Amino acid sequence: MKIYEDIEQGTKEWRDVRKLKFTASNANTIIANGKGLQTLVDEMLAEYYSSGNYPEYTDEYKNYQMKRGNDYEEQARKIYEFETGNKVKQVGFIELDDRVGVSPDGLIGDDGLIEIKNHSDKVFMKLAETKKIDKKYIDQMQMQMFVSGRSWCDYFAFNPNFNPCYVIIRVKKDIDTFGLIMEGLRTGRKLLEDKKKILDKIFETD
């Protein structure tokens, strides 16, 4: 496992290190281990063989909503630290191997992670009422724990329109889900390698 501490998430360098890697943002597809995996592999390969200039990650491209999300995440992180006493260490990327990695919102101590979400008013209110996290986010956190070797992840939902403005739910690692992640990654790796052999004969890469 390799931790990239100096790469900022959302930059071209970050996207480059994620190329051809299965990440937690697609954990639900990996766990489902179905037809969606081929679509995911095709997207990964299209990004790999294309120019990779990533104009959407330049400062010029960032619109109001993207900036709002970034600002809220930093604010949420500070509130989490104040309310819990936990210090959050930001990292760019955690690489399990040449095909798998994750980008958690932060490391906590030796065993924990944090996942920050800035939900809409409706979604935040429902979460505060039910304490039920959308499965795709559960899958995302499980894959982050699988790759990082951590035991728990605090799901920190933040919305400044409410008082209190946050909901914290601790999610612990689930060995059964880890098994599904491993199965999905085995399938995904084979799909990726088989198609890459064909496309390597067609497209050039730097």
N, C-alpha and C. Protein backbone atom coordinates (compact mmCIF):
# COMPACT_ATOMS: atom_id res chain seq x y z
N MET A 1 0.85 -1.20 0.00
CA MET A 1 0.00 0.00 0.00
C MET A 1 0.88 1.24 0.00
N LYS A 2 0.49 2.22 -0.81
CA LYS A 2 1.23 3.47 -0.89
C LYS A 2 0.27 4.63 -0.68
N ILE A 3 0.67 5.58 0.18
CA ILE A 3 -0.16 6.74 0.46
C ILE A 3 0.48 7.97 -0.18
N TYR A 4 -0.29 8.65 -1.04
CA TYR A 4 0.17 9.89 -1.67
C TYR A 4 -0.31 11.05 -0.81
N GLU A 5 0.57 11.62 -0.01
CA GLU A 5 0.18 12.68 0.91
C GLU A 5 0.25 14.06 0.28
N ASP A 6 1.08 14.22 -0.74
CA ASP A 6 1.34 15.55 -1.29
C ASP A 6 0.51 15.88 -2.52
N ILE A 7 -0.31 14.95 -2.98
CA ILE A 7 -1.17 15.21 -4.14
C ILE A 7 -2.51 15.73 -3.66
N GLU A 8 -2.95 16.84 -4.24
CA GLU A 8 -4.24 17.41 -3.87
C GLU A 8 -5.35 16.77 -4.69
N GLN A 9 -6.39 16.34 -4.01
CA GLN A 9 -7.52 15.72 -4.71
C GLN A 9 -8.17 16.72 -5.67
N GLY A 10 -8.53 16.23 -6.84
CA GLY A 10 -9.18 17.06 -7.84
C GLY A 10 -8.25 17.67 -8.85
N THR A 11 -6.94 17.49 -8.67
CA THR A 11 -5.96 18.06 -9.60
C THR A 11 -5.65 17.07 -10.72
N LYS A 12 -4.93 17.55 -11.73
CA LYS A 12 -4.52 16.68 -12.82
C LYS A 12 -3.61 15.56 -12.31
N GLU A 13 -2.72 15.88 -11.38
CA GLU A 13 -1.82 14.87 -10.81
C GLU A 13 -2.61 13.76 -10.12
N TRP A 14 -3.66 14.16 -9.44
CA TRP A 14 -4.53 13.19 -8.77
C TRP A 14 -5.23 12.29 -9.78
N ARG A 15 -5.74 12.90 -10.85
CA ARG A 15 -6.39 12.09 -11.88
C ARG A 15 -5.41 11.15 -12.56
N ASP A 16 -4.20 11.62 -12.75
CA ASP A 16 -3.20 10.78 -13.40
C ASP A 16 -2.88 9.53 -12.58
N VAL A 17 -2.75 9.69 -11.26
CA VAL A 17 -2.39 8.55 -10.42
C VAL A 17 -3.56 7.57 -10.30
N ARG A 18 -4.78 8.04 -10.57
CA ARG A 18 -5.97 7.19 -10.51
C ARG A 18 -6.25 6.44 -11.80
N LYS A 19 -5.52 6.76 -12.86
CA LYS A 19 -5.78 6.13 -14.15
C LYS A 19 -5.68 4.62 -14.08
N LEU A 20 -6.64 3.95 -14.70
CA LEU A 20 -6.70 2.48 -14.77
C LEU A 20 -6.77 1.83 -13.39
N LYS A 21 -7.33 2.56 -12.42
CA LYS A 21 -7.50 1.98 -11.09
C LYS A 21 -8.99 1.96 -10.71
N PHE A 22 -9.40 0.87 -10.13
CA PHE A 22 -10.74 0.76 -9.58
C PHE A 22 -10.75 1.51 -8.25
N THR A 23 -11.67 2.47 -8.10
CA THR A 23 -11.69 3.32 -6.92
C THR A 23 -13.03 3.20 -6.18
N ALA A 24 -13.06 3.77 -4.98
CA ALA A 24 -14.24 3.65 -4.13
C ALA A 24 -15.45 4.40 -4.68
N SER A 25 -15.22 5.37 -5.56
CA SER A 25 -16.36 6.08 -6.15
C SER A 25 -17.23 5.15 -6.99
N ASN A 26 -16.69 4.01 -7.37
CA ASN A 26 -17.45 3.01 -8.13
C ASN A 26 -17.61 1.71 -7.36
N ALA A 27 -17.53 1.80 -6.04
CA ALA A 27 -17.59 0.60 -5.20
C ALA A 27 -18.89 -0.18 -5.38
N ASN A 28 -20.02 0.54 -5.55
CA ASN A 28 -21.29 -0.17 -5.71
C ASN A 28 -21.31 -1.00 -6.98
N THR A 29 -20.68 -0.50 -8.04
CA THR A 29 -20.59 -1.27 -9.29
C THR A 29 -19.67 -2.47 -9.11
N ILE A 30 -18.58 -2.30 -8.41
CA ILE A 30 -17.64 -3.39 -8.16
C ILE A 30 -18.29 -4.48 -7.32
N ILE A 31 -19.00 -4.08 -6.28
CA ILE A 31 -19.65 -5.04 -5.40
C ILE A 31 -20.78 -5.77 -6.12
N ALA A 32 -21.52 -5.06 -6.96
CA ALA A 32 -22.61 -5.70 -7.72
C ALA A 32 -22.08 -6.77 -8.66
N ASN A 33 -20.85 -6.56 -9.19
CA ASN A 33 -20.16 -7.57 -10.00
C ASN A 33 -21.04 -8.06 -11.16
N GLY A 34 -21.65 -7.10 -11.85
CA GLY A 34 -22.52 -7.46 -12.96
C GLY A 34 -22.13 -6.77 -14.25
N LYS A 35 -23.12 -6.50 -15.11
CA LYS A 35 -22.86 -5.91 -16.41
C LYS A 35 -22.25 -4.50 -16.30
N GLY A 36 -22.54 -3.83 -15.20
CA GLY A 36 -22.02 -2.49 -15.02
C GLY A 36 -20.50 -2.43 -14.97
N LEU A 37 -19.87 -3.55 -14.63
CA LEU A 37 -18.41 -3.58 -14.57
C LEU A 37 -17.78 -3.35 -15.94
N GLN A 38 -18.40 -3.90 -16.98
CA GLN A 38 -17.85 -3.70 -18.32
C GLN A 38 -17.95 -2.24 -18.72
N THR A 39 -19.07 -1.60 -18.38
CA THR A 39 -19.21 -0.17 -18.66
C THR A 39 -18.15 0.63 -17.92
N LEU A 40 -17.91 0.28 -16.67
CA LEU A 40 -16.89 0.96 -15.88
C LEU A 40 -15.51 0.77 -16.50
N VAL A 41 -15.20 -0.44 -16.90
CA VAL A 41 -13.90 -0.72 -17.53
C VAL A 41 -13.74 0.09 -18.81
N ASP A 42 -14.80 0.18 -19.61
CA ASP A 42 -14.73 0.96 -20.85
C ASP A 42 -14.46 2.44 -20.55
N GLU A 43 -15.07 2.96 -19.51
CA GLU A 43 -14.84 4.36 -19.12
C GLU A 43 -13.39 4.56 -18.68
N MET A 44 -12.87 3.62 -17.91
CA MET A 44 -11.49 3.70 -17.44
C MET A 44 -10.50 3.67 -18.60
N LEU A 45 -10.77 2.81 -19.56
CA LEU A 45 -9.87 2.69 -20.71
C LEU A 45 -9.97 3.90 -21.63
N ALA A 46 -11.17 4.44 -21.80
CA ALA A 46 -11.34 5.64 -22.63
C ALA A 46 -10.54 6.79 -22.04
N GLU A 47 -10.57 6.92 -20.72
CA GLU A 47 -9.80 7.98 -20.07
C GLU A 47 -8.30 7.73 -20.24
N TYR A 48 -7.89 6.48 -20.17
CA TYR A 48 -6.47 6.12 -20.26
C TYR A 48 -5.90 6.42 -21.65
N TYR A 49 -6.62 6.09 -22.69
CA TYR A 49 -6.10 6.27 -24.05
C TYR A 49 -6.32 7.66 -24.61
N SER A 50 -7.17 8.47 -23.96
CA SER A 50 -7.40 9.82 -24.44
C SER A 50 -6.28 10.73 -23.97
N SER A 51 -6.33 12.01 -24.37
CA SER A 51 -5.24 12.93 -24.09
C SER A 51 -5.01 13.17 -22.61
N GLY A 52 -6.09 13.11 -21.81
CA GLY A 52 -5.94 13.27 -20.38
C GLY A 52 -5.65 14.69 -19.93
N ASN A 53 -6.14 15.69 -20.68
CA ASN A 53 -5.88 17.08 -20.27
C ASN A 53 -6.78 17.53 -19.12
N TYR A 54 -7.90 16.84 -18.94
CA TYR A 54 -8.80 17.11 -17.83
C TYR A 54 -9.16 18.59 -17.67
N PRO A 55 -9.73 19.23 -18.67
CA PRO A 55 -10.06 20.65 -18.53
C PRO A 55 -11.03 20.92 -17.39
N GLU A 56 -11.84 19.90 -17.02
CA GLU A 56 -12.80 20.12 -15.95
C GLU A 56 -12.15 20.29 -14.59
N TYR A 57 -10.83 20.05 -14.50
CA TYR A 57 -10.16 20.19 -13.21
C TYR A 57 -9.27 21.43 -13.15
N THR A 58 -9.36 22.30 -14.13
CA THR A 58 -8.60 23.55 -14.09
C THR A 58 -9.37 24.57 -13.26
N ASP A 59 -8.65 25.57 -12.75
CA ASP A 59 -9.29 26.60 -11.94
C ASP A 59 -10.32 27.37 -12.76
N GLU A 60 -10.05 27.52 -14.06
CA GLU A 60 -10.95 28.29 -14.91
C GLU A 60 -12.32 27.61 -15.04
N TYR A 61 -12.32 26.29 -14.93
CA TYR A 61 -13.56 25.55 -15.16
C TYR A 61 -14.45 25.53 -13.92
N LYS A 62 -13.84 25.61 -12.75
CA LYS A 62 -14.60 25.43 -11.51
C LYS A 62 -15.71 26.48 -11.41
N ASN A 63 -16.94 25.99 -11.37
CA ASN A 63 -18.08 26.89 -11.29
C ASN A 63 -18.49 27.10 -9.83
N TYR A 64 -19.57 27.84 -9.66
CA TYR A 64 -20.02 28.18 -8.30
C TYR A 64 -20.32 26.94 -7.47
N GLN A 65 -21.02 25.97 -8.05
CA GLN A 65 -21.41 24.80 -7.29
C GLN A 65 -20.19 23.99 -6.85
N MET A 66 -19.19 23.85 -7.74
CA MET A 66 -17.99 23.11 -7.39
C MET A 66 -17.23 23.81 -6.27
N LYS A 67 -17.12 25.13 -6.38
CA LYS A 67 -16.42 25.89 -5.35
C LYS A 67 -17.18 25.82 -4.02
N ARG A 68 -18.49 25.88 -4.11
CA ARG A 68 -19.32 25.76 -2.91
C ARG A 68 -19.09 24.43 -2.22
N GLY A 69 -19.02 23.36 -3.00
CA GLY A 69 -18.77 22.04 -2.43
C GLY A 69 -17.42 21.96 -1.75
N ASN A 70 -16.40 22.52 -2.39
CA ASN A 70 -15.05 22.51 -1.80
C ASN A 70 -15.00 23.32 -0.51
N ASP A 71 -15.64 24.50 -0.53
CA ASP A 71 -15.66 25.34 0.67
C ASP A 71 -16.39 24.65 1.81
N TYR A 72 -17.51 24.01 1.50
CA TYR A 72 -18.30 23.34 2.53
C TYR A 72 -17.53 22.16 3.12
N GLU A 73 -16.78 21.45 2.29
CA GLU A 73 -16.04 20.30 2.79
C GLU A 73 -15.00 20.73 3.82
N GLU A 74 -14.31 21.81 3.56
CA GLU A 74 -13.31 22.30 4.51
C GLU A 74 -13.98 22.76 5.80
N GLN A 75 -15.11 23.45 5.66
CA GLN A 75 -15.85 23.89 6.84
C GLN A 75 -16.34 22.69 7.65
N ALA A 76 -16.85 21.68 6.95
CA ALA A 76 -17.34 20.47 7.60
C ALA A 76 -16.22 19.76 8.34
N ARG A 77 -15.06 19.69 7.74
CA ARG A 77 -13.91 19.02 8.37
C ARG A 77 -13.53 19.71 9.69
N LYS A 78 -13.54 21.04 9.69
CA LYS A 78 -13.20 21.79 10.90
C LYS A 78 -14.23 21.58 12.00
N ILE A 79 -15.51 21.54 11.61
CA ILE A 79 -16.56 21.31 12.59
C ILE A 79 -16.44 19.91 13.18
N TYR A 80 -16.15 18.93 12.32
CA TYR A 80 -15.98 17.55 12.81
C TYR A 80 -14.85 17.48 13.83
N GLU A 81 -13.74 18.12 13.54
CA GLU A 81 -12.60 18.10 14.45
C GLU A 81 -12.97 18.75 15.79
N PHE A 82 -13.69 19.86 15.73
CA PHE A 82 -14.08 20.58 16.94
C PHE A 82 -15.04 19.76 17.79
N GLU A 83 -16.03 19.15 17.14
CA GLU A 83 -17.08 18.44 17.87
C GLU A 83 -16.61 17.09 18.42
N THR A 84 -15.69 16.44 17.74
CA THR A 84 -15.26 15.10 18.15
C THR A 84 -13.91 15.08 18.85
N GLY A 85 -13.10 16.10 18.62
CA GLY A 85 -11.74 16.09 19.14
C GLY A 85 -10.80 15.25 18.30
N ASN A 86 -11.30 14.71 17.21
CA ASN A 86 -10.46 13.91 16.30
C ASN A 86 -9.74 14.81 15.31
N LYS A 87 -8.47 14.56 15.11
CA LYS A 87 -7.70 15.30 14.12
C LYS A 87 -7.76 14.57 12.79
N VAL A 88 -8.12 15.30 11.74
CA VAL A 88 -8.23 14.71 10.40
C VAL A 88 -6.96 15.00 9.62
N LYS A 89 -6.36 13.95 9.11
CA LYS A 89 -5.18 14.09 8.24
C LYS A 89 -5.62 13.89 6.80
N GLN A 90 -5.43 14.90 5.97
CA GLN A 90 -5.82 14.81 4.56
C GLN A 90 -4.72 14.14 3.74
N VAL A 91 -5.14 13.28 2.84
CA VAL A 91 -4.21 12.64 1.91
C VAL A 91 -4.81 12.71 0.51
N GLY A 92 -3.95 12.56 -0.49
CA GLY A 92 -4.45 12.63 -1.86
C GLY A 92 -5.02 11.33 -2.36
N PHE A 93 -4.29 10.25 -2.13
CA PHE A 93 -4.70 8.97 -2.69
C PHE A 93 -4.02 7.84 -1.94
N ILE A 94 -4.73 6.73 -1.75
CA ILE A 94 -4.16 5.53 -1.15
C ILE A 94 -4.21 4.43 -2.19
N GLU A 95 -3.05 3.96 -2.58
CA GLU A 95 -2.92 2.97 -3.66
C GLU A 95 -2.68 1.58 -3.07
N LEU A 96 -3.60 0.67 -3.35
CA LEU A 96 -3.41 -0.72 -2.90
C LEU A 96 -2.42 -1.44 -3.79
N ASP A 97 -2.61 -1.26 -5.10
CA ASP A 97 -1.69 -1.82 -6.09
C ASP A 97 -1.90 -1.06 -7.40
N ASP A 98 -1.40 -1.59 -8.51
CA ASP A 98 -1.46 -0.86 -9.77
C ASP A 98 -2.85 -0.78 -10.38
N ARG A 99 -3.85 -1.40 -9.75
CA ARG A 99 -5.20 -1.39 -10.29
C ARG A 99 -6.27 -0.98 -9.29
N VAL A 100 -5.89 -0.70 -8.06
CA VAL A 100 -6.89 -0.39 -7.02
C VAL A 100 -6.39 0.73 -6.13
N GLY A 101 -7.28 1.70 -5.82
CA GLY A 101 -6.92 2.77 -4.90
C GLY A 101 -8.15 3.55 -4.48
N VAL A 102 -8.01 4.39 -3.44
CA VAL A 102 -9.13 5.18 -2.93
C VAL A 102 -8.65 6.57 -2.53
N SER A 103 -9.61 7.50 -2.43
CA SER A 103 -9.32 8.88 -2.02
C SER A 103 -10.24 9.28 -0.87
N PRO A 104 -9.92 8.86 0.34
CA PRO A 104 -10.78 9.22 1.49
C PRO A 104 -10.70 10.71 1.78
N ASP A 105 -11.71 11.23 2.47
CA ASP A 105 -11.70 12.64 2.83
C ASP A 105 -10.75 12.93 3.98
N GLY A 106 -10.27 11.88 4.63
CA GLY A 106 -9.28 12.08 5.68
C GLY A 106 -9.03 10.82 6.48
N LEU A 107 -7.85 10.76 7.11
CA LEU A 107 -7.48 9.68 8.01
C LEU A 107 -7.63 10.18 9.44
N ILE A 108 -8.09 9.30 10.32
CA ILE A 108 -8.25 9.65 11.73
C ILE A 108 -7.49 8.64 12.58
N GLY A 109 -6.48 9.11 13.28
CA GLY A 109 -5.68 8.21 14.11
C GLY A 109 -5.09 7.08 13.31
N ASP A 110 -5.03 5.91 13.94
CA ASP A 110 -4.46 4.73 13.28
C ASP A 110 -5.51 3.84 12.66
N ASP A 111 -6.79 4.03 13.02
CA ASP A 111 -7.82 3.07 12.62
C ASP A 111 -9.00 3.66 11.85
N GLY A 112 -9.11 4.99 11.80
CA GLY A 112 -10.33 5.58 11.28
C GLY A 112 -10.20 6.37 10.00
N LEU A 113 -11.34 6.62 9.38
CA LEU A 113 -11.47 7.45 8.19
C LEU A 113 -12.65 8.40 8.40
N ILE A 114 -12.75 9.40 7.55
CA ILE A 114 -13.94 10.24 7.53
C ILE A 114 -14.41 10.38 6.09
N GLU A 115 -15.71 10.33 5.90
CA GLU A 115 -16.33 10.56 4.60
C GLU A 115 -17.31 11.72 4.77
N ILE A 116 -17.07 12.83 4.07
CA ILE A 116 -17.87 14.04 4.21
C ILE A 116 -18.84 14.16 3.04
N LYS A 117 -20.10 14.42 3.37
CA LYS A 117 -21.11 14.63 2.33
C LYS A 117 -21.87 15.93 2.63
N ASN A 118 -22.05 16.75 1.61
CA ASN A 118 -22.81 17.99 1.73
C ASN A 118 -24.17 17.78 1.06
N HIS A 119 -25.11 17.25 1.81
CA HIS A 119 -26.40 16.86 1.24
C HIS A 119 -27.33 18.05 1.05
N SER A 120 -28.28 17.86 0.15
CA SER A 120 -29.36 18.83 -0.03
C SER A 120 -30.22 18.84 1.24
N ASP A 121 -31.06 19.87 1.36
CA ASP A 121 -31.92 20.00 2.54
C ASP A 121 -32.78 18.75 2.75
N LYS A 122 -33.40 18.27 1.68
CA LYS A 122 -34.30 17.13 1.79
C LYS A 122 -33.56 15.87 2.22
N VAL A 123 -32.42 15.60 1.59
CA VAL A 123 -31.65 14.39 1.91
C VAL A 123 -31.09 14.47 3.33
N PHE A 124 -30.61 15.65 3.71
CA PHE A 124 -30.04 15.83 5.05
C PHE A 124 -31.12 15.60 6.12
N MET A 125 -32.29 16.17 5.92
CA MET A 125 -33.37 16.02 6.88
C MET A 125 -33.76 14.56 7.05
N LYS A 126 -33.84 13.85 5.94
CA LYS A 126 -34.20 12.43 5.99
C LYS A 126 -33.13 11.62 6.71
N LEU A 127 -31.87 11.93 6.45
CA LEU A 127 -30.77 11.22 7.12
C LEU A 127 -30.81 11.47 8.62
N ALA A 128 -31.05 12.71 9.03
CA ALA A 128 -31.11 13.05 10.45
C ALA A 128 -32.25 12.30 11.14
N GLU A 129 -33.33 12.07 10.39
CA GLU A 129 -34.49 11.38 10.96
C GLU A 129 -34.27 9.88 11.06
N THR A 130 -33.74 9.27 10.00
CA THR A 130 -33.67 7.81 9.91
C THR A 130 -32.32 7.22 10.29
N LYS A 131 -31.26 8.02 10.16
CA LYS A 131 -29.88 7.55 10.37
C LYS A 131 -29.52 6.42 9.40
N LYS A 132 -30.20 6.40 8.26
CA LYS A 132 -29.93 5.39 7.24
C LYS A 132 -29.13 6.00 6.10
N ILE A 133 -27.95 5.46 5.85
CA ILE A 133 -27.06 5.96 4.80
C ILE A 133 -27.35 5.22 3.50
N ASP A 134 -27.37 5.96 2.40
CA ASP A 134 -27.56 5.35 1.08
C ASP A 134 -26.51 4.25 0.87
N LYS A 135 -26.95 3.11 0.33
CA LYS A 135 -26.06 1.96 0.18
C LYS A 135 -24.81 2.28 -0.65
N LYS A 136 -24.93 3.15 -1.64
CA LYS A 136 -23.76 3.45 -2.47
C LYS A 136 -22.66 4.11 -1.64
N TYR A 137 -23.07 4.86 -0.62
CA TYR A 137 -22.07 5.48 0.26
C TYR A 137 -21.51 4.47 1.26
N ILE A 138 -22.35 3.54 1.69
CA ILE A 138 -21.86 2.44 2.54
C ILE A 138 -20.80 1.66 1.78
N ASP A 139 -21.10 1.32 0.53
CA ASP A 139 -20.15 0.57 -0.31
C ASP A 139 -18.85 1.36 -0.48
N GLN A 140 -18.99 2.66 -0.70
CA GLN A 140 -17.82 3.52 -0.87
C GLN A 140 -16.92 3.47 0.36
N MET A 141 -17.51 3.59 1.54
CA MET A 141 -16.73 3.57 2.77
C MET A 141 -16.12 2.19 3.03
N GLN A 142 -16.85 1.13 2.71
CA GLN A 142 -16.30 -0.22 2.89
C GLN A 142 -15.08 -0.44 2.01
N MET A 143 -15.12 0.06 0.78
CA MET A 143 -13.96 -0.11 -0.08
C MET A 143 -12.80 0.74 0.41
N GLN A 144 -13.09 1.91 0.94
CA GLN A 144 -12.03 2.74 1.50
C GLN A 144 -11.35 2.02 2.67
N MET A 145 -12.14 1.38 3.51
CA MET A 145 -11.58 0.64 4.63
C MET A 145 -10.81 -0.59 4.15
N PHE A 146 -11.33 -1.26 3.13
CA PHE A 146 -10.67 -2.43 2.56
C PHE A 146 -9.27 -2.07 2.06
N VAL A 147 -9.17 -0.98 1.34
CA VAL A 147 -7.89 -0.58 0.75
C VAL A 147 -6.94 -0.03 1.80
N SER A 148 -7.46 0.78 2.70
CA SER A 148 -6.59 1.47 3.68
C SER A 148 -6.23 0.61 4.89
N GLY A 149 -6.98 -0.48 5.09
CA GLY A 149 -6.73 -1.32 6.26
C GLY A 149 -7.29 -0.75 7.54
N ARG A 150 -8.20 0.21 7.43
CA ARG A 150 -8.77 0.86 8.61
C ARG A 150 -10.04 0.13 9.05
N SER A 151 -10.41 0.35 10.32
CA SER A 151 -11.49 -0.42 10.93
C SER A 151 -12.85 0.28 10.93
N TRP A 152 -12.85 1.60 10.82
CA TRP A 152 -14.12 2.33 10.85
C TRP A 152 -14.02 3.61 10.05
N CYS A 153 -15.20 4.12 9.70
CA CYS A 153 -15.28 5.38 8.95
C CYS A 153 -16.44 6.20 9.50
N ASP A 154 -16.18 7.44 9.87
CA ASP A 154 -17.25 8.33 10.31
C ASP A 154 -17.88 9.02 9.10
N TYR A 155 -19.16 8.76 8.90
CA TYR A 155 -19.92 9.41 7.84
C TYR A 155 -20.40 10.74 8.41
N PHE A 156 -19.87 11.83 7.85
CA PHE A 156 -20.17 13.17 8.37
C PHE A 156 -20.97 13.94 7.33
N ALA A 157 -22.27 14.01 7.56
CA ALA A 157 -23.16 14.76 6.67
C ALA A 157 -23.29 16.18 7.20
N PHE A 158 -23.12 17.16 6.29
CA PHE A 158 -23.09 18.57 6.70
C PHE A 158 -24.04 19.40 5.85
N ASN A 159 -24.84 20.23 6.53
CA ASN A 159 -25.71 21.18 5.83
C ASN A 159 -25.91 22.39 6.75
N PRO A 160 -25.33 23.54 6.41
CA PRO A 160 -25.38 24.72 7.28
C PRO A 160 -26.76 25.34 7.41
N ASN A 161 -27.74 24.84 6.65
CA ASN A 161 -29.10 25.38 6.75
C ASN A 161 -29.85 24.84 7.96
N PHE A 162 -29.26 23.87 8.67
CA PHE A 162 -29.94 23.25 9.80
C PHE A 162 -29.17 23.50 11.10
N ASN A 163 -29.86 23.33 12.21
CA ASN A 163 -29.24 23.42 13.53
C ASN A 163 -29.75 22.26 14.39
N PRO A 164 -28.91 21.27 14.69
CA PRO A 164 -27.48 21.17 14.35
C PRO A 164 -27.26 20.96 12.86
N CYS A 165 -26.08 21.34 12.40
CA CYS A 165 -25.79 21.34 10.97
C CYS A 165 -25.08 20.07 10.52
N TYR A 166 -25.01 19.07 11.36
CA TYR A 166 -24.29 17.86 10.97
C TYR A 166 -24.94 16.61 11.57
N VAL A 167 -24.66 15.49 10.92
CA VAL A 167 -25.03 14.16 11.42
C VAL A 167 -23.79 13.29 11.30
N ILE A 168 -23.44 12.61 12.38
CA ILE A 168 -22.29 11.70 12.37
C ILE A 168 -22.79 10.28 12.59
N ILE A 169 -22.41 9.38 11.68
CA ILE A 169 -22.75 7.97 11.81
C ILE A 169 -21.47 7.16 11.60
N ARG A 170 -21.10 6.36 12.58
CA ARG A 170 -19.90 5.56 12.44
C ARG A 170 -20.23 4.23 11.76
N VAL A 171 -19.47 3.93 10.73
CA VAL A 171 -19.63 2.68 9.98
C VAL A 171 -18.39 1.82 10.19
N LYS A 172 -18.58 0.58 10.60
CA LYS A 172 -17.46 -0.32 10.85
C LYS A 172 -17.24 -1.24 9.66
N LYS A 173 -16.02 -1.73 9.55
CA LYS A 173 -15.69 -2.61 8.43
C LYS A 173 -16.55 -3.87 8.48
N ASP A 174 -16.87 -4.38 7.32
CA ASP A 174 -17.71 -5.57 7.20
C ASP A 174 -16.97 -6.60 6.35
N ILE A 175 -16.59 -7.69 6.96
CA ILE A 175 -15.78 -8.70 6.28
C ILE A 175 -16.52 -9.31 5.10
N ASP A 176 -17.83 -9.50 5.23
CA ASP A 176 -18.61 -10.06 4.11
C ASP A 176 -18.56 -9.13 2.90
N THR A 177 -18.67 -7.83 3.16
CA THR A 177 -18.58 -6.86 2.05
C THR A 177 -17.19 -6.87 1.46
N PHE A 178 -16.17 -7.02 2.29
CA PHE A 178 -14.79 -7.12 1.79
C PHE A 178 -14.67 -8.27 0.80
N GLY A 179 -15.34 -9.39 1.11
CA GLY A 179 -15.31 -10.53 0.20
C GLY A 179 -15.93 -10.21 -1.14
N LEU A 180 -17.05 -9.47 -1.11
CA LEU A 180 -17.70 -9.07 -2.37
C LEU A 180 -16.82 -8.11 -3.16
N ILE A 181 -16.12 -7.22 -2.47
CA ILE A 181 -15.21 -6.30 -3.14
C ILE A 181 -14.10 -7.08 -3.84
N MET A 182 -13.55 -8.07 -3.15
CA MET A 182 -12.47 -8.87 -3.75
C MET A 182 -12.96 -9.62 -4.98
N GLU A 183 -14.17 -10.17 -4.91
CA GLU A 183 -14.71 -10.89 -6.07
C GLU A 183 -14.93 -9.94 -7.24
N GLY A 184 -15.50 -8.76 -6.95
CA GLY A 184 -15.74 -7.79 -8.01
C GLY A 184 -14.45 -7.30 -8.63
N LEU A 185 -13.41 -7.12 -7.82
CA LEU A 185 -12.12 -6.67 -8.34
C LEU A 185 -11.48 -7.74 -9.21
N ARG A 186 -11.65 -8.99 -8.84
CA ARG A 186 -11.10 -10.07 -9.68
C ARG A 186 -11.75 -10.06 -11.05
N THR A 187 -13.07 -9.91 -11.07
CA THR A 187 -13.79 -9.84 -12.35
C THR A 187 -13.36 -8.61 -13.14
N GLY A 188 -13.32 -7.46 -12.46
CA GLY A 188 -12.97 -6.22 -13.13
C GLY A 188 -11.56 -6.23 -13.69
N ARG A 189 -10.63 -6.78 -12.94
CA ARG A 189 -9.24 -6.84 -13.41
C ARG A 189 -9.15 -7.64 -14.71
N LYS A 190 -9.84 -8.78 -14.74
CA LYS A 190 -9.77 -9.62 -15.95
C LYS A 190 -10.37 -8.91 -17.15
N LEU A 191 -11.53 -8.26 -16.93
CA LEU A 191 -12.15 -7.51 -18.02
C LEU A 191 -11.21 -6.41 -18.53
N LEU A 192 -10.57 -5.73 -17.59
CA LEU A 192 -9.68 -4.64 -17.94
C LEU A 192 -8.46 -5.14 -18.71
N GLU A 193 -7.80 -6.16 -18.21
CA GLU A 193 -6.59 -6.65 -18.85
C GLU A 193 -6.88 -7.25 -20.23
N ASP A 194 -7.98 -7.98 -20.34
CA ASP A 194 -8.33 -8.59 -21.63
C ASP A 194 -8.59 -7.52 -22.69
N LYS A 195 -9.33 -6.48 -22.34
CA LYS A 195 -9.64 -5.44 -23.32
C LYS A 195 -8.43 -4.56 -23.59
N LYS A 196 -7.60 -4.34 -22.58
CA LYS A 196 -6.42 -3.50 -22.76
C LYS A 196 -5.45 -4.13 -23.76
N LYS A 197 -5.33 -5.44 -23.75
CA LYS A 197 -4.46 -6.13 -24.70
C LYS A 197 -4.88 -5.84 -26.14
N ILE A 198 -6.19 -5.76 -26.35
CA ILE A 198 -6.71 -5.48 -27.69
C ILE A 198 -6.46 -4.01 -28.06
N LEU A 199 -6.77 -3.11 -27.13
CA LEU A 199 -6.67 -1.69 -27.41
C LEU A 199 -5.23 -1.21 -27.50
N ASP A 200 -4.32 -1.89 -26.83
CA ASP A 200 -2.89 -1.52 -26.93
C ASP A 200 -2.38 -1.63 -28.37
N LYS A 201 -3.01 -2.48 -29.15
CA LYS A 201 -2.61 -2.65 -30.55
C LYS A 201 -3.20 -1.59 -31.46
N ILE A 202 -4.14 -0.83 -30.91
CA ILE A 202 -4.84 0.19 -31.70
C ILE A 202 -4.36 1.60 -31.36
N PHE A 203 -4.23 1.87 -30.06
CA PHE A 203 -3.93 3.23 -29.61
C PHE A 203 -2.53 3.31 -29.01
N GLU A 204 -1.91 4.47 -29.18
CA GLU A 204 -0.61 4.73 -28.57
C GLU A 204 -0.82 5.51 -27.29
N THR A 205 0.08 5.31 -26.33
CA THR A 205 0.08 6.09 -25.10
C THR A 205 1.49 6.63 -24.86
N ASP A 206 1.54 7.74 -24.12
CA ASP A 206 2.84 8.34 -23.83
C ASP A 206 3.61 7.48 -22.84
